Structure formats: C-alpha cells, structure tokens
Protein backbone atom coordinates (compact mmCIF):
# COMPACT_ATOMS: atom_id res chain seq x y z
CA MET A 1 14.34 19.40 -25.53
CA ALA A 2 13.51 16.06 -23.87
CA THR A 3 14.00 15.70 -20.15
CA PRO A 4 16.76 13.19 -19.44
CA PRO A 5 15.72 10.10 -17.47
CA PRO A 6 16.40 10.27 -13.73
CA ARG A 7 19.68 8.76 -12.59
CA TYR A 8 18.02 7.51 -9.40
CA LEU A 9 20.86 8.76 -7.20
CA THR A 10 21.03 10.83 -4.06
CA LYS A 11 23.51 13.54 -3.23
CA PRO A 12 26.63 12.28 -1.46
CA GLY A 13 26.06 12.31 2.28
CA ALA A 14 26.86 10.67 5.57
CA SER A 15 23.54 8.86 6.15
CA PRO A 16 23.96 5.17 6.98
CA LEU A 17 22.28 2.63 4.73
CA TRP A 18 19.28 2.10 7.02
CA ALA A 19 18.51 5.84 6.98
CA SER A 20 19.22 6.51 3.30
CA GLU A 21 17.07 3.52 2.30
CA PRO A 22 14.18 3.63 4.80
CA PHE A 23 12.48 0.51 3.46
CA ARG A 24 15.11 -1.54 5.32
CA ILE A 25 13.57 -0.40 8.60
CA PHE A 26 9.96 0.25 7.66
CA PHE A 27 9.20 -2.95 5.75
CA PRO A 28 10.06 -5.24 8.70
CA LEU A 29 8.18 -2.89 11.04
CA GLY A 30 5.16 -3.08 8.75
CA ILE A 31 5.29 -6.87 8.74
CA ALA A 32 5.51 -6.91 12.55
CA ALA A 33 2.52 -4.56 12.81
CA ALA A 34 0.47 -6.69 10.43
CA VAL A 35 1.27 -9.88 12.34
CA PHE A 36 0.21 -8.22 15.60
CA GLY A 37 -2.95 -6.71 14.11
CA LEU A 38 -3.94 -10.08 12.64
CA ALA A 39 -3.11 -12.03 15.79
CA LEU A 40 -5.56 -9.88 17.77
CA TRP A 41 -8.49 -11.94 16.45
CA PRO A 42 -7.35 -15.41 17.58
CA LEU A 43 -6.00 -13.88 20.79
CA TYR A 44 -9.36 -12.25 21.52
CA TYR A 45 -11.40 -15.36 20.73
CA GLY A 46 -9.01 -17.44 22.83
CA GLY A 47 -9.58 -15.15 25.82
CA TRP A 48 -6.00 -13.79 25.82
CA TRP A 49 -6.82 -10.27 24.60
CA PRO A 50 -9.31 -8.12 26.53
CA LEU A 51 -10.41 -5.72 23.79
CA TYR A 52 -12.64 -6.56 20.83
CA PRO A 53 -10.30 -5.53 17.97
CA ALA A 54 -12.88 -4.10 15.57
CA LEU A 55 -11.11 -0.70 15.53
CA GLN A 56 -7.59 -1.76 16.50
CA HIS A 57 -7.32 -4.28 13.66
CA PRO A 58 -8.03 -1.93 10.70
CA ARG A 59 -6.04 0.97 12.18
CA ILE A 60 -2.95 -1.21 12.69
CA LEU A 61 -3.28 -2.86 9.27
CA ILE A 62 -3.86 0.42 7.38
CA PHE A 63 -1.86 2.96 9.39
CA GLY A 64 0.69 0.46 10.64
CA PHE A 65 1.40 -2.02 7.86
CA GLY A 66 0.24 0.29 5.04
CA THR A 67 1.99 3.38 6.36
CA ALA A 68 5.24 1.47 6.87
CA PHE A 69 5.32 0.32 3.25
CA VAL A 70 4.34 3.76 1.90
CA PHE A 71 7.00 5.46 4.06
CA GLY A 72 9.59 2.84 3.17
CA PHE A 73 9.00 3.13 -0.56
CA LEU A 74 8.61 6.89 -0.87
CA GLY A 75 11.33 7.63 1.66
CA THR A 76 13.74 5.62 -0.48
CA ALA A 77 12.63 6.60 -3.98
CA TRP A 78 11.61 10.26 -3.60
CA PRO A 79 15.09 11.71 -2.88
CA ARG A 80 16.57 9.62 -5.69
CA PHE A 81 14.17 10.88 -8.33
CA LEU A 82 14.89 14.44 -7.24
CA GLU A 83 18.64 13.73 -6.90
CA ALA A 84 18.38 15.29 -3.45
CA GLU A 85 19.97 14.20 -0.20
CA ALA A 86 18.85 10.91 1.33
CA LEU A 87 16.97 10.90 4.60
CA ARG A 88 19.10 11.75 7.61
CA VAL A 89 19.36 9.81 10.83
CA TRP A 90 17.37 12.37 12.83
CA GLU A 91 14.59 12.36 10.22
CA MET A 92 14.36 8.59 10.35
CA GLY A 93 14.41 8.76 14.13
CA LEU A 94 11.38 11.05 14.16
CA LEU A 95 9.50 8.95 11.62
CA VAL A 96 10.22 5.58 13.19
CA GLY A 97 9.59 6.89 16.70
CA GLY A 98 6.27 8.46 15.69
CA TRP A 99 5.20 5.32 13.84
CA ILE A 100 6.03 3.04 16.78
CA PHE A 101 4.29 5.35 19.26
CA SER A 102 1.10 5.43 17.17
CA GLN A 103 1.06 1.61 16.98
CA PHE A 104 1.59 1.40 20.73
CA LEU A 105 -1.43 3.63 21.29
CA TYR A 106 -3.56 1.64 18.87
CA ALA A 107 -2.52 -1.59 20.61
CA ARG A 108 -3.67 -0.13 23.93
CA GLY A 109 -7.05 0.64 22.41
CA ASN A 110 -6.45 4.40 22.56
CA ILE A 111 -7.66 5.02 19.03
CA ALA A 112 -8.02 8.82 19.20
CA ASP A 113 -4.50 9.39 20.54
CA GLY A 114 -3.17 6.82 18.09
CA ASP A 115 -4.80 8.73 15.23
CA LEU A 116 -3.23 11.96 16.47
CA ALA A 117 0.23 10.37 16.72
CA ALA A 118 -0.13 8.83 13.26
CA ALA A 119 -1.32 12.18 11.83
CA LEU A 120 1.61 14.10 13.32
CA THR A 121 3.99 11.47 11.96
CA GLY A 122 2.38 11.95 8.56
CA VAL A 123 3.01 15.70 8.80
CA VAL A 124 6.68 15.03 9.60
CA PHE A 125 6.95 12.70 6.60
CA LEU A 126 5.36 15.27 4.27
CA ILE A 127 7.83 17.91 5.50
CA VAL A 128 10.75 15.49 5.07
CA LEU A 129 9.74 14.85 1.45
CA GLY A 130 8.67 18.42 0.75
CA ARG A 131 11.95 20.00 1.84
CA ARG A 132 13.73 17.98 -0.85
CA LEU A 133 11.79 19.86 -3.49
CA LEU A 134 13.48 23.06 -2.34
CA GLY A 135 16.90 24.27 -3.35
CA GLY A 136 18.84 23.65 -6.53
CA ASP A 137 17.33 23.06 -9.93
CA ARG A 138 14.83 20.42 -8.89
CA GLU A 139 12.72 18.46 -11.35
CA MET A 140 9.24 17.57 -10.19
CA PRO A 141 8.83 13.88 -9.30
CA PRO A 142 6.93 11.65 -11.77
CA PRO A 143 3.14 12.16 -11.65
CA GLY A 144 2.61 8.85 -9.93
CA PHE A 145 4.95 9.74 -7.07
CA ALA A 146 3.24 13.10 -6.67
CA LEU A 147 -0.04 11.18 -6.34
CA ALA A 148 1.51 8.97 -3.65
CA PHE A 149 2.58 12.16 -1.83
CA PHE A 150 -1.01 13.39 -2.10
CA ALA A 151 -2.25 10.05 -0.69
CA VAL A 152 -0.13 10.62 2.43
CA LEU A 153 -1.64 14.10 2.68
CA LEU A 154 -5.14 12.61 2.31
CA GLY A 155 -4.49 9.96 4.97
CA THR A 156 -3.02 12.55 7.34
CA ALA A 157 -5.97 14.90 6.85
CA THR A 158 -8.39 12.03 7.46
CA LEU A 159 -6.66 11.16 10.73
CA PHE A 160 -6.89 14.78 11.89
CA ALA A 161 -10.58 14.79 10.93
CA TRP A 162 -11.15 11.71 13.08
CA VAL A 163 -9.29 13.33 15.97
CA ALA A 164 -11.48 16.43 15.61
CA GLY A 165 -14.61 14.29 15.78
CA TRP A 166 -15.80 14.97 12.25
CA GLY A 167 -16.87 11.35 11.90
CA ASP A 168 -19.63 12.05 14.45
CA ILE A 169 -21.16 14.94 12.49
CA SER A 170 -23.17 12.69 10.16
CA PRO A 171 -23.21 9.07 8.98
CA GLN A 172 -22.42 10.26 5.46
CA LEU A 173 -19.31 12.20 6.49
CA ASN A 174 -18.23 9.28 8.66
CA GLN A 175 -18.50 6.94 5.65
CA PHE A 176 -16.57 9.37 3.43
CA LEU A 177 -13.74 9.61 5.95
CA ARG A 178 -13.68 5.86 6.33
CA LEU A 179 -13.37 5.37 2.57
CA ALA A 180 -10.74 8.11 2.24
CA GLY A 181 -8.69 6.82 5.17
CA TYR A 182 -8.90 3.11 4.53
CA GLN A 183 -9.29 2.70 0.77
CA GLY A 184 -7.89 6.00 -0.51
CA PHE A 185 -4.71 5.89 1.55
CA LEU A 186 -3.75 2.57 -0.07
CA LEU A 187 -5.43 2.74 -3.47
CA LEU A 188 -3.99 6.09 -4.56
CA PRO A 189 -0.33 5.12 -3.91
CA ILE A 190 -0.94 1.89 -5.83
CA LEU A 191 -2.28 3.87 -8.79
CA GLY A 192 0.57 6.36 -8.57
CA VAL A 193 3.57 4.15 -7.92
CA GLY A 194 2.13 1.37 -10.05
CA SER A 195 1.96 3.62 -13.11
CA TYR A 196 5.74 3.84 -12.93
CA LEU A 197 6.72 0.46 -11.50
CA PHE A 198 4.27 -2.23 -12.61
CA ALA A 199 5.27 -2.29 -16.28
CA ARG A 200 8.77 -3.26 -15.14
CA PHE A 201 7.41 -6.54 -13.80
CA PHE A 202 6.70 -7.52 -17.39
CA HIS A 203 10.04 -6.48 -18.85
CA VAL A 204 12.08 -9.41 -20.11
CA PRO A 205 15.84 -8.70 -19.74
CA GLY A 206 17.49 -8.16 -23.10
CA THR A 207 14.35 -6.84 -24.80
CA PRO A 208 13.17 -3.20 -25.08
CA PRO A 209 10.28 -2.39 -22.70
CA ASN A 210 8.17 -0.84 -25.45
CA PHE A 211 4.92 -0.83 -23.49
CA ALA A 212 6.52 1.01 -20.55
CA LYS A 213 6.41 4.26 -22.55
CA VAL A 214 2.91 5.72 -22.50
CA LYS A 215 1.79 9.12 -23.74
CA HIS A 216 -0.16 11.27 -21.29
CA ARG A 217 0.40 8.82 -18.41
CA GLY A 218 0.00 11.63 -15.87
CA LEU A 219 -3.44 12.47 -17.27
CA PHE A 220 -4.64 8.90 -16.80
CA VAL A 221 -3.12 8.65 -13.32
CA TRP A 222 -4.56 11.88 -11.99
CA GLY A 223 -7.84 11.41 -13.86
CA ALA A 224 -8.32 8.04 -12.17
CA ALA A 225 -7.42 9.58 -8.80
CA VAL A 226 -10.01 12.32 -9.18
CA LEU A 227 -12.64 9.72 -10.08
CA VAL A 228 -11.71 7.70 -6.99
CA LEU A 229 -12.21 10.74 -4.75
CA ILE A 230 -15.53 11.52 -6.45
CA SER A 231 -16.57 7.89 -5.96
CA PHE A 232 -16.04 8.19 -2.20
CA ALA A 233 -18.43 11.15 -2.04
CA VAL A 234 -20.96 9.39 -4.26
CA GLU A 235 -20.91 6.25 -2.11
CA ALA A 236 -21.16 8.21 1.13
CA TRP A 237 -23.97 10.59 0.14
CA LEU A 238 -25.77 8.98 -2.79
CA SER A 239 -25.28 5.32 -3.64
CA ALA A 240 -22.86 2.52 -2.75
CA ARG A 241 -23.59 0.88 -6.10
CA TRP A 242 -22.74 4.01 -8.11
CA GLY A 243 -19.74 4.86 -5.94
CA ASN A 244 -18.17 1.47 -6.52
CA GLY A 245 -19.11 1.61 -10.18
CA ILE A 246 -17.16 4.86 -10.56
CA ARG A 247 -14.24 3.32 -8.68
CA PHE A 248 -14.30 0.29 -10.99
CA PHE A 249 -14.37 2.62 -14.00
CA ALA A 250 -11.44 4.62 -12.57
CA LEU A 251 -9.39 1.44 -12.17
CA VAL A 252 -10.18 0.37 -15.74
CA ILE A 253 -9.17 3.80 -17.07
CA TRP A 254 -5.93 3.67 -15.11
CA GLY A 255 -5.11 0.11 -16.13
CA GLY A 256 -5.88 0.71 -19.79
CA GLY A 257 -4.36 4.18 -20.04
CA ALA A 258 -1.32 4.10 -17.76
CA LEU A 259 -0.43 0.40 -18.13
CA PRO A 260 -1.87 -0.82 -21.43
CA GLY A 261 0.94 -3.23 -22.26
CA ILE A 262 0.71 -5.43 -19.18
CA TRP A 263 -2.66 -6.82 -20.29
CA THR A 264 -1.61 -7.88 -23.80
CA VAL A 265 1.69 -9.66 -23.14
CA ARG A 266 2.20 -13.02 -21.55
CA ALA A 267 3.29 -12.73 -17.93
CA PRO A 268 7.02 -13.55 -17.96
CA GLY A 269 7.03 -15.26 -14.59
CA THR A 270 5.12 -15.90 -11.39
CA ARG A 271 5.34 -12.39 -9.94
CA PRO A 272 3.96 -10.56 -13.01
CA TRP A 273 1.11 -13.08 -13.08
CA ALA A 274 0.50 -12.50 -9.36
CA LEU A 275 0.53 -8.73 -9.87
CA ARG A 276 -2.00 -8.90 -12.68
CA PHE A 277 -4.11 -11.26 -10.58
CA GLY A 278 -4.05 -8.80 -7.67
CA LEU A 279 -5.09 -5.86 -9.85
CA VAL A 280 -7.94 -7.88 -11.33
CA HIS A 281 -8.96 -8.85 -7.81
CA MET A 282 -9.22 -5.16 -6.91
CA ALA A 283 -11.46 -4.48 -9.88
CA ALA A 284 -13.57 -7.56 -9.10
CA ALA A 285 -14.12 -6.36 -5.52
CA PHE A 286 -15.52 -3.04 -6.77
CA LEU A 287 -17.67 -4.84 -9.34
CA CYS A 288 -19.07 -7.15 -6.67
CA ARG A 289 -20.22 -4.09 -4.70
CA VAL A 290 -21.92 -2.79 -7.83
CA ILE A 291 -23.88 -6.03 -8.16
CA TRP A 292 -24.36 -6.68 -4.42
CA PRO A 293 -23.90 -3.31 -2.64
CA LEU A 294 -25.03 -4.36 0.85
CA PRO A 295 -22.36 -6.87 2.01
CA MET A 296 -19.78 -4.09 2.39
CA PHE A 297 -17.28 -5.76 4.71
CA ALA A 298 -17.24 -9.05 2.83
CA PHE A 299 -16.21 -7.47 -0.45
CA GLU A 300 -13.92 -4.95 1.25
CA HIS A 301 -11.90 -7.88 2.51
CA LEU A 302 -11.68 -9.21 -1.03
CA LEU A 303 -10.31 -5.78 -1.97
CA PHE A 304 -7.87 -5.47 0.93
CA LEU A 305 -6.59 -9.05 0.98
CA GLY A 306 -6.79 -10.21 -2.62
CA GLY A 307 -5.89 -6.79 -3.99
CA PHE A 308 -4.07 -4.31 -1.74
CA PHE A 309 -2.22 -6.82 0.44
CA GLN A 310 -0.91 -8.82 -2.49
CA VAL A 311 0.09 -5.81 -4.59
CA ILE A 312 1.84 -4.13 -1.63
CA LEU A 313 3.91 -7.23 -0.91
CA LEU A 314 4.90 -7.52 -4.58
CA THR A 315 5.85 -3.85 -4.72
CA GLY A 316 7.87 -4.13 -1.53
CA GLU A 317 9.65 -7.17 -2.91
CA ARG A 318 10.53 -5.28 -6.09
CA VAL A 319 12.07 -2.48 -4.02
CA ILE A 320 14.13 -4.99 -2.05
CA PHE A 321 15.34 -6.66 -5.25
CA GLY A 322 16.31 -3.30 -6.71
CA HIS A 323 18.35 -2.24 -3.68
CA GLY A 324 19.47 -5.51 -2.13
CA ASP A 325 19.93 -7.80 -5.14
CA ASP A 326 20.05 -7.84 -8.93
CA ALA A 327 16.40 -7.87 -10.03
CA SER A 328 17.33 -9.13 -13.52
CA ALA A 329 18.98 -12.20 -11.96
CA ILE A 330 15.86 -13.29 -10.06
CA LYS A 331 14.35 -16.48 -11.46
CA PRO A 332 11.06 -15.83 -13.29
CA LYS A 333 9.22 -18.68 -11.63
CA SER A 334 8.66 -18.67 -7.89
CA GLY A 335 7.14 -21.60 -6.06
CA ALA A 336 6.85 -19.48 -2.93
CA TRP A 337 4.76 -16.88 -4.72
CA LYS A 338 2.42 -19.54 -6.11
CA TRP A 339 1.77 -20.61 -2.55
CA ILE A 340 1.36 -17.00 -1.42
CA VAL A 341 -1.17 -16.20 -4.15
CA TRP A 342 -3.38 -19.20 -3.51
CA LEU A 343 -3.15 -18.75 0.23
CA ILE A 344 -4.28 -15.13 -0.26
CA VAL A 345 -7.19 -16.27 -2.43
CA LEU A 346 -8.19 -18.84 0.18
CA THR A 347 -7.84 -16.29 2.98
CA ALA A 348 -9.84 -13.62 1.13
CA ALA A 349 -12.63 -16.11 0.46
CA THR A 350 -12.54 -17.31 4.07
CA ARG A 351 -12.65 -13.77 5.47
CA ALA A 352 -15.46 -12.74 3.11
CA THR A 353 -17.47 -15.81 4.13
CA ALA A 354 -17.16 -14.75 7.77
CA ASP A 355 -19.19 -11.63 6.92
CA LEU A 356 -21.62 -13.31 4.52
CA VAL A 357 -22.35 -16.28 6.84
CA PRO A 358 -22.39 -15.02 10.45
CA SER A 359 -22.35 -18.53 11.92
CA THR A 360 -18.80 -18.99 10.58
CA ARG A 361 -17.47 -15.65 11.82
CA VAL A 362 -15.36 -16.75 14.77
CA SER A 363 -13.69 -19.74 13.10
CA HIS A 364 -13.13 -17.89 9.83
CA HIS A 365 -11.67 -14.85 11.60
CA ILE A 366 -9.16 -17.17 13.22
CA TYR A 367 -8.35 -19.14 10.04
CA ALA A 368 -7.91 -15.99 7.96
CA ALA A 369 -5.64 -14.35 10.53
CA ILE A 370 -3.42 -17.43 10.84
CA SER A 371 -3.21 -17.81 7.05
CA LEU A 372 -2.11 -14.22 6.58
CA ILE A 373 0.47 -14.51 9.35
CA ILE A 374 1.89 -17.56 7.54
CA ILE A 375 2.06 -15.55 4.29
CA LEU A 376 3.90 -12.71 6.02
CA GLY A 377 6.28 -15.22 7.56
CA ILE A 378 7.06 -16.68 4.13
CA TRP A 379 7.65 -13.20 2.71
CA ILE A 380 10.01 -12.05 5.45
CA VAL A 381 11.98 -15.32 5.32
CA LEU A 382 12.41 -14.86 1.56
CA HIS A 383 13.77 -11.32 1.92
CA GLY A 384 15.23 -11.00 5.40
CA LYS A 385 18.84 -11.28 4.24
CA ARG A 386 18.33 -8.86 1.34
CA LEU A 387 17.01 -6.23 3.74
CA CYS A 388 20.41 -6.25 5.43
CA ARG A 389 22.66 -6.00 2.39
CA LYS A 390 23.36 -3.49 -0.34
CA ARG A 391 23.09 -4.46 -3.98
CA GLY A 392 26.29 -6.21 -4.98
CA GLY A 393 27.40 -6.47 -1.36
CA ARG A 394 26.76 -8.51 1.73
C-alpha cells in the first residue's frame, strides 16, 4: 500500500507564527550575521576593526548565516512533514538565544567559546527535532531531510572537536575537520533538501511535474553524501585532487540520479535558471580543484559564493514564498535575480582573484564584501514584508 503524501501540517497548538515558522526569525538573523561578517574586511582595512577577521569571517558566515538558514528551514518543515507540533516559544527562545550568543562570542574574537556555544545550540536543535519523532504513529521524514538532520549533527560534532583541540593533533585531522565543518555543513543540507525542493523550481503551474518523481531517490541522496564524507578524508590524508574529484563525482551522481529532470527541461523563469547556474558553479569549483589543486582558497570562494550562497538564498526565498505568499503567482522572470546572479559571479571572481593575485588582496576583499552586502540588501528588501505575513494574509 502506497504511503500517502504528507499534508505538510502541524498539530493544532498555541505557538505564535514566529515560533511555529522559525524561518521568519532566523532568515533575517542570518542576513544580519552575513552583513556583519562581510563588513569585517572593509572595517579592518579601514582601521575601524582591531582584529584580523581570518577566523571570525568564516565562522560567522558558516555558523551564523548558514546555521540560521538551516535552522529556519528545518525548524519550519520538519514538524510539518511529521505532522507533529510546531516549535514552541521556549524552544525558539533557546535556539535564538544560543545562536545570538555564539555570534557575539565570534564577533569578540573568542572563537573557542563561540564554537562551544554554537555546538550546544546545535545539540538543542537536534533534540527539538528529534523529540518530534517520538509519540504517535510517526512517519520518517523524507531521506533528504534526514540527511539535513545528519548535517546538523556533523556540524555540531565538528564544533565540539574544535573545542576539544582535535584540530591541533595533526594537519590532516585539522583539514578534515575544516572540510566537514565548512563544506559538509552546507553541502549536505543542499543535497538533502534540494532532492525534495529543487525540482519544484522547474514545475510550470497547470502541468504535471513528471520529473519530480524519481525511483530510489534516497539511494542517490545518501550515496552522494557518503561519497562526500569519503572525499573529505581523501583530501585530508591523501590527495586534494582526488578528494575534489570524488566530490565532483558525488555531485554529478546526485544531480543525475535525484534531480534528472531539471537538466533536460528549459528553465521556466529566472530563479530556476539561477538555481541551475548555482549548482553548476558548485561542480565547477570542485573540478577546478581537480585541475589546479593548490589554490585552495580561491576556488573555495567560487564554491561558497557562486554555489552555496546563491543556492541558499534561492532556497530561503522559496520557503518565504510558500509560507508568506502564493508561489504559483510569482512572476517567472525576475530582474532583481538577474542582477543578483551577475553580482554573485562578479563577486566570486573578484574574491578568487584576491587569492590568486596577492597584490589585489586588500582592494578585492573590500569590493567583494561590499558587493555581497548589496546582494543581501536586495534580497531582504524583496522579502521583508513577506517575512511578516502569513500566506493569504497581511
């Protein structure tokens, strides 16, 4: 007997909208964290910030901006797929308070305590999600959402490992933890959530989404995830070229197996085109490391900016449309997103050049940071009102 599709509803409860749909709080917090983390570079070079932000910047972007979008998405969608109760006010209070405290510590340059606060907040989030699996006749969440849950577990474990000083045991272990914490914490949720959500970008209203139904999707999703984890170990202990080659192969397997239809249809609008462009950018970044393995930071910024950053913003926008507007009524073409995409491409190229050509580092750090802040400003202006209203309401 076939399992009926989820109704995407929570149990009736007394949680206010901002608690039952955590993205309304976490997405703006993530944008604020990203703006601050980016602004550290021009502030430092202008003499207005005392600390060189080499560690602050990635921690705030990954475990501030990234965590906020992961928490906002999963905290909203997870209870609905399980038809469990939405998050309560006290749960949101713990999560938001822990997140803000960890960013405060990072901003002060107290990286170790910030990691500990972020790790403990991750534990709270895992418990909040995990308790909704208990009681009643619960169905397991889709494989992709289970992978996103695992990504939070991986990121939390990595933070605890940093707190315990494991990164100092050997250069190889330090590199593995860096890959798991920075790349894995963002890449795995994209593979998981994307296997469910990305095909919907290409659905034209009034037509059946034939390519959204894929046999053995869970096998492709988890198979790609396992390859990604293997690739981290290979890069850390054996070869950067082979590690990135395995990661590229994992992304190709995932894209071809879990989302085959999005590559063969014409993109029905600006956002689907931007999404496909971002996914290709991710694959290209891994391929560049296969061909040129030494300029690690240059191509990592192609991955983070051209790939992760763009895909996360598109995913967050889709969530906002689904809960704060009628997604089917959104115009296919978006002039704002054309500007965002090309600004991201320019910024990724600028930031990569800063690492490839050291003489341009200071100016390109500043230009890239300002460009990304402008992009985030455009995004929040586009969706600020929707974050405050329920679908069909004001």
